[in-house]
């Protein structure tokens, strides 16, 4: 029996949404804390420094290392009977959301609640089946839980900051 569900891993940036919450004082399309964390100042947002298929801008959104091809937002899919599992590595402070659509190019709609990672690790999504055919993506984006203007991922990287407290 052919599979009835398909997966398209993606970054929110690839869907045309920019990382509005990441501090980018030099307006180069890369988060400033991400640049400091990965010694990435001077890299072009549109380049793929490590050749992993994701631009430096996408790596900035995902919180991954632009010089390590194994450090990237990726999703694996498993089907067991009618249950689909989407597994992704997570970065602390990043928001992950399963979206589905009827065609590979969308339109995309959220499925279930987003997951905001509090630590690096692995998260498994098990979205409910949505009919005879659906395409799935897992998006990653920034979030600012305490509304202080600094995204959660950046606060996890900076000593003395707490993504749950604006003070």
Foldseek 3Di string as FASTA:
>chain_A
DDDQEAEDADAVVVVVDAQVLADDPVPQLARPLLCVVQVPPPAHQQPQQCPLPHGVNRCRFQSFHSNDSVTHWDWDWDDDPNWIKIKTWHAAQKKKFKWKAQDPSGPTDTFDDIDHHRHTDMDIDTGDDDDRHMYMYIYIHWDQQQPLSHTRRSQVSDPPRDSNHND
